[in-house]
Amino acid sequence: MSDEELAEQSEKGEPEKGRWSQAEQLLAVIADRVSRLEYVLISVNTEHKSQRPKAPEPIRRPGAKPAEVRQRMSDNQANTLFELLNRGAT
């Protein structure tokens, strides 16, 4: 492959459509756990929550869909939920 083709594959590759050996699966697990440990170490040693990094995403694996992005609840939605829950308690 040319350099351009390799660069395109590295950016647009879809590992979840390929086949992995057991060794590749285990290596991905190890990489994910090391990444998670690094995240926890940084988070524990960071004073302000706003300065903490985002949690790492696991390596995409064959047969697995990419993780869905969770939407955060807005203040208005949180207040509405709070009111609904508190009305039921009275």
Protein backbone atom coordinates (compact mmCIF):
# COMPACT_ATOMS: atom_id res chain seq x y z
CA MET A 1 0.00 0.00 0.00
CA SER A 2 1.08 3.53 -0.62
CA ASP A 3 1.61 5.98 2.22
CA GLU A 4 -1.67 7.72 1.36
CA GLU A 5 -3.63 4.45 1.47
CA LEU A 6 -2.08 3.52 4.83
CA ALA A 7 -2.92 6.94 6.27
CA GLU A 8 -6.52 6.65 5.05
CA GLN A 9 -6.89 3.17 6.54
CA SER A 10 -5.48 4.29 9.89
CA GLU A 11 -8.04 7.11 10.12
CA LYS A 12 -11.07 5.34 8.65
CA GLY A 13 -10.37 1.76 9.70
CA GLU A 14 -13.16 -0.29 11.26
CA PRO A 15 -11.58 -2.92 13.53
CA GLU A 16 -15.01 -4.17 14.62
CA LYS A 17 -15.50 -5.64 11.13
CA GLY A 18 -12.32 -7.71 11.19
CA ARG A 19 -11.24 -10.88 12.98
CA TRP A 20 -8.94 -10.84 15.97
CA SER A 21 -6.96 -13.66 17.48
CA GLN A 22 -7.20 -14.44 21.18
CA ALA A 23 -3.82 -12.74 21.68
CA GLU A 24 -5.10 -9.54 20.05
CA GLN A 25 -8.22 -9.64 22.25
CA LEU A 26 -6.10 -10.03 25.38
CA LEU A 27 -3.75 -7.25 24.31
CA ALA A 28 -6.74 -4.93 23.83
CA VAL A 29 -7.99 -5.78 27.35
CA ILE A 30 -4.56 -5.00 28.80
CA ALA A 31 -4.35 -1.72 26.90
CA ASP A 32 -7.83 -0.72 28.11
CA ARG A 33 -6.98 -1.51 31.72
CA VAL A 34 -3.68 0.39 31.64
CA SER A 35 -5.48 3.35 30.10
CA ARG A 36 -8.14 3.17 32.83
CA LEU A 37 -5.49 3.00 35.58
CA GLU A 38 -3.78 6.07 34.13
CA TYR A 39 -7.12 7.92 34.09
CA VAL A 40 -7.86 6.97 37.72
CA LEU A 41 -4.37 8.00 38.85
CA ILE A 42 -4.69 11.40 37.19
CA SER A 43 -8.25 11.90 38.49
CA VAL A 44 -7.30 11.07 42.09
CA ASN A 45 -4.42 13.53 42.00
CA THR A 46 -6.40 16.39 40.44
CA GLU A 47 -7.95 18.83 42.90
CA HIS A 48 -10.73 20.30 40.78
CA LYS A 49 -13.24 18.03 39.08
CA SER A 50 -13.34 20.37 36.07
CA GLN A 51 -9.64 19.74 35.39
CA ARG A 52 -9.99 15.96 35.22
CA PRO A 53 -9.56 14.31 31.83
CA LYS A 54 -12.38 12.48 30.08
CA ALA A 55 -12.61 8.78 30.82
CA PRO A 56 -10.80 6.70 28.17
CA GLU A 57 -12.80 4.83 25.57
CA PRO A 58 -12.06 1.13 25.17
CA ILE A 59 -10.41 -0.10 21.99
CA ARG A 60 -13.02 -1.06 19.42
CA ARG A 61 -13.27 -4.81 19.02
CA PRO A 62 -14.68 -7.07 16.31
CA GLY A 63 -18.43 -7.48 16.56
CA ALA A 64 -18.86 -4.57 18.98
CA LYS A 65 -20.63 -1.36 18.08
CA PRO A 66 -18.96 1.97 18.88
CA ALA A 67 -19.96 3.41 22.25
CA GLU A 68 -22.92 5.77 22.18
CA VAL A 69 -22.38 9.29 23.42
CA ARG A 70 -24.50 9.97 26.49
CA GLN A 71 -26.25 13.29 26.63
CA ARG A 72 -26.02 15.25 29.85
CA MET A 73 -29.20 16.37 31.55
CA SER A 74 -29.78 20.11 31.31
CA ASP A 75 -30.58 22.16 34.40
CA ASN A 76 -34.15 22.59 33.20
CA GLN A 77 -34.57 18.83 32.75
CA ALA A 78 -33.03 18.19 36.18
CA ASN A 79 -35.42 20.66 37.82
CA THR A 80 -38.41 19.09 36.06
CA LEU A 81 -37.36 15.62 37.22
CA PHE A 82 -36.80 16.92 40.76
CA GLU A 83 -40.29 18.46 40.82
CA LEU A 84 -41.90 15.26 39.49
CA LEU A 85 -40.14 13.14 42.09
CA ASN A 86 -40.97 15.47 44.97
CA ARG A 87 -44.64 15.75 44.06
CA GLY A 88 -45.00 12.00 44.38
CA ALA A 89 -43.50 12.12 47.90
CA THR A 90 -46.17 14.47 49.26
